[in-house]
Amino acid sequence: MTEHGLAVLSQRGAGFSVYTLEPSHGLVLSGQRIDEPINGHGPFVINTYEEIIQAYEDVKAGRLG
């Protein structure tokens, strides 16, 4: 079974650890804080749930590559 997750880390501390129950792959990205809300669902990470719905509608209509 394939499952996906999103973790948002705080700005405190200098490191982190990840423990998994089975072999896993991870992607760690960093950048400057933008002080905006984060909403993730499926392959999309956008600001609001409404934008997530719009992204799915755009994919279904062929407006998103």
N, C-alpha and C. Protein backbone atom coordinates (compact mmCIF):
# COMPACT_ATOMS: atom_id res chain seq x y z
N MET A 1 0.83 -1.17 0.00
CA MET A 1 0.00 0.00 0.00
C MET A 1 0.88 1.24 0.00
N THR A 2 0.60 2.18 -0.86
CA THR A 2 1.37 3.42 -0.92
C THR A 2 0.65 4.49 -0.13
N GLU A 3 1.34 5.09 0.80
CA GLU A 3 0.78 6.18 1.58
C GLU A 3 1.72 7.38 1.47
N HIS A 4 1.15 8.55 1.56
CA HIS A 4 1.93 9.78 1.48
C HIS A 4 1.70 10.59 2.74
N GLY A 5 2.67 11.39 3.08
CA GLY A 5 2.53 12.24 4.25
C GLY A 5 3.27 13.54 4.05
N LEU A 6 2.91 14.52 4.84
CA LEU A 6 3.55 15.83 4.81
C LEU A 6 3.88 16.21 6.24
N ALA A 7 5.10 16.61 6.48
CA ALA A 7 5.51 17.07 7.80
C ALA A 7 6.03 18.49 7.67
N VAL A 8 5.56 19.35 8.52
CA VAL A 8 6.05 20.73 8.55
C VAL A 8 6.86 20.88 9.83
N LEU A 9 8.11 21.20 9.69
CA LEU A 9 9.01 21.28 10.83
C LEU A 9 9.10 22.71 11.34
N SER A 10 9.35 22.85 12.63
CA SER A 10 9.49 24.18 13.22
C SER A 10 10.87 24.74 12.89
N GLN A 11 11.06 25.98 13.24
CA GLN A 11 12.36 26.62 13.01
C GLN A 11 13.30 26.45 14.19
N ARG A 12 12.87 25.71 15.20
CA ARG A 12 13.71 25.49 16.38
C ARG A 12 14.58 24.26 16.18
N GLY A 13 15.77 24.31 16.68
CA GLY A 13 16.65 23.15 16.62
C GLY A 13 17.45 23.10 15.33
N ALA A 14 18.40 22.16 15.32
CA ALA A 14 19.30 22.07 14.18
C ALA A 14 19.21 20.73 13.46
N GLY A 15 18.37 19.83 13.92
CA GLY A 15 18.30 18.52 13.28
C GLY A 15 16.97 17.85 13.55
N PHE A 16 16.79 16.68 12.93
CA PHE A 16 15.58 15.90 13.16
C PHE A 16 15.87 14.44 12.84
N SER A 17 15.03 13.56 13.32
CA SER A 17 15.15 12.12 13.06
C SER A 17 13.83 11.62 12.51
N VAL A 18 13.91 10.62 11.65
CA VAL A 18 12.72 9.99 11.09
C VAL A 18 12.84 8.49 11.29
N TYR A 19 11.79 7.88 11.83
CA TYR A 19 11.75 6.45 12.02
C TYR A 19 10.55 5.91 11.25
N THR A 20 10.73 4.83 10.49
CA THR A 20 9.64 4.27 9.70
C THR A 20 9.42 2.81 10.08
N LEU A 21 8.22 2.33 9.81
CA LEU A 21 7.88 0.95 10.11
C LEU A 21 8.29 -0.01 8.99
N GLU A 22 8.59 0.54 7.81
CA GLU A 22 9.02 -0.26 6.66
C GLU A 22 9.95 0.59 5.81
N PRO A 23 10.67 -0.01 4.86
CA PRO A 23 11.56 0.78 4.01
C PRO A 23 10.79 1.92 3.34
N SER A 24 11.37 3.11 3.36
CA SER A 24 10.68 4.30 2.88
C SER A 24 11.63 5.21 2.14
N HIS A 25 11.06 6.11 1.36
CA HIS A 25 11.80 7.16 0.68
C HIS A 25 11.31 8.49 1.22
N GLY A 26 12.18 9.46 1.27
CA GLY A 26 11.78 10.78 1.76
C GLY A 26 12.43 11.87 0.94
N LEU A 27 11.81 13.01 0.94
CA LEU A 27 12.32 14.19 0.26
C LEU A 27 12.31 15.32 1.27
N VAL A 28 13.44 15.93 1.50
CA VAL A 28 13.54 17.03 2.45
C VAL A 28 13.87 18.29 1.67
N LEU A 29 13.05 19.30 1.82
CA LEU A 29 13.25 20.58 1.16
C LEU A 29 13.35 21.67 2.21
N SER A 30 14.06 22.71 1.91
CA SER A 30 14.12 23.83 2.85
C SER A 30 14.10 25.13 2.06
N GLY A 31 13.75 26.16 2.74
CA GLY A 31 13.71 27.47 2.10
C GLY A 31 13.32 28.51 3.11
N GLN A 32 13.20 29.73 2.66
CA GLN A 32 12.81 30.81 3.54
C GLN A 32 11.32 30.71 3.86
N ARG A 33 10.98 31.03 5.07
CA ARG A 33 9.59 31.01 5.53
C ARG A 33 8.78 32.07 4.77
N ILE A 34 7.57 31.68 4.35
CA ILE A 34 6.72 32.62 3.61
C ILE A 34 5.50 33.07 4.41
N ASP A 35 5.34 32.56 5.63
CA ASP A 35 4.24 32.95 6.51
C ASP A 35 2.88 32.87 5.84
N GLU A 36 2.60 31.74 5.19
CA GLU A 36 1.30 31.48 4.58
C GLU A 36 0.83 30.11 5.03
N PRO A 37 -0.50 29.89 5.03
CA PRO A 37 -1.01 28.56 5.42
C PRO A 37 -0.60 27.50 4.41
N ILE A 38 -0.52 26.26 4.87
CA ILE A 38 -0.16 25.13 4.01
C ILE A 38 -1.29 24.11 4.06
N ASN A 39 -1.74 23.66 2.90
CA ASN A 39 -2.77 22.64 2.80
C ASN A 39 -2.31 21.63 1.78
N GLY A 40 -2.13 20.38 2.17
CA GLY A 40 -1.67 19.34 1.25
C GLY A 40 -2.70 18.25 1.09
N HIS A 41 -2.89 17.80 -0.14
CA HIS A 41 -3.78 16.67 -0.41
C HIS A 41 -3.33 16.03 -1.71
N GLY A 42 -3.07 14.72 -1.66
CA GLY A 42 -2.58 14.04 -2.87
C GLY A 42 -1.27 14.66 -3.31
N PRO A 43 -1.14 14.93 -4.60
CA PRO A 43 0.12 15.49 -5.09
C PRO A 43 0.22 17.00 -4.92
N PHE A 44 -0.80 17.64 -4.36
CA PHE A 44 -0.83 19.10 -4.30
C PHE A 44 -0.54 19.62 -2.90
N VAL A 45 0.25 20.69 -2.84
CA VAL A 45 0.47 21.44 -1.60
C VAL A 45 0.23 22.89 -1.97
N ILE A 46 -0.87 23.43 -1.46
CA ILE A 46 -1.31 24.78 -1.81
C ILE A 46 -1.76 25.45 -0.51
N ASN A 47 -2.20 26.69 -0.58
CA ASN A 47 -2.58 27.43 0.62
C ASN A 47 -3.93 27.02 1.22
N THR A 48 -4.96 26.81 0.40
CA THR A 48 -6.29 26.56 0.95
C THR A 48 -6.90 25.29 0.35
N TYR A 49 -7.91 24.76 1.05
CA TYR A 49 -8.62 23.60 0.55
C TYR A 49 -9.33 23.92 -0.77
N GLU A 50 -9.85 25.12 -0.89
CA GLU A 50 -10.51 25.53 -2.13
C GLU A 50 -9.54 25.48 -3.31
N GLU A 51 -8.28 25.86 -3.09
CA GLU A 51 -7.28 25.78 -4.15
C GLU A 51 -6.96 24.33 -4.51
N ILE A 52 -7.02 23.43 -3.53
CA ILE A 52 -6.82 22.00 -3.80
C ILE A 52 -7.93 21.52 -4.73
N ILE A 53 -9.17 21.86 -4.43
CA ILE A 53 -10.31 21.46 -5.28
C ILE A 53 -10.13 22.02 -6.68
N GLN A 54 -9.72 23.28 -6.79
CA GLN A 54 -9.51 23.89 -8.11
C GLN A 54 -8.40 23.18 -8.88
N ALA A 55 -7.34 22.77 -8.19
CA ALA A 55 -6.24 22.07 -8.85
C ALA A 55 -6.73 20.74 -9.42
N TYR A 56 -7.54 20.00 -8.66
CA TYR A 56 -8.10 18.74 -9.17
C TYR A 56 -9.00 18.99 -10.38
N GLU A 57 -9.81 20.04 -10.32
CA GLU A 57 -10.67 20.38 -11.46
C GLU A 57 -9.83 20.75 -12.68
N ASP A 58 -8.74 21.49 -12.47
CA ASP A 58 -7.85 21.86 -13.57
C ASP A 58 -7.21 20.63 -14.21
N VAL A 59 -6.81 19.65 -13.38
CA VAL A 59 -6.22 18.42 -13.92
C VAL A 59 -7.25 17.68 -14.76
N LYS A 60 -8.47 17.54 -14.23
CA LYS A 60 -9.52 16.82 -14.96
C LYS A 60 -9.86 17.50 -16.28
N ALA A 61 -9.76 18.83 -16.33
CA ALA A 61 -10.08 19.58 -17.55
C ALA A 61 -8.87 19.73 -18.47
N GLY A 62 -7.71 19.20 -18.07
CA GLY A 62 -6.52 19.28 -18.91
C GLY A 62 -5.82 20.63 -18.87
N ARG A 63 -6.13 21.45 -17.87
CA ARG A 63 -5.50 22.77 -17.75
C ARG A 63 -4.21 22.76 -16.94
N LEU A 64 -3.88 21.61 -16.38
CA LEU A 64 -2.67 21.50 -15.57
C LEU A 64 -1.82 20.39 -16.15
N GLY A 65 -0.59 20.70 -16.54
CA GLY A 65 0.29 19.75 -17.20
C GLY A 65 0.46 18.51 -16.55
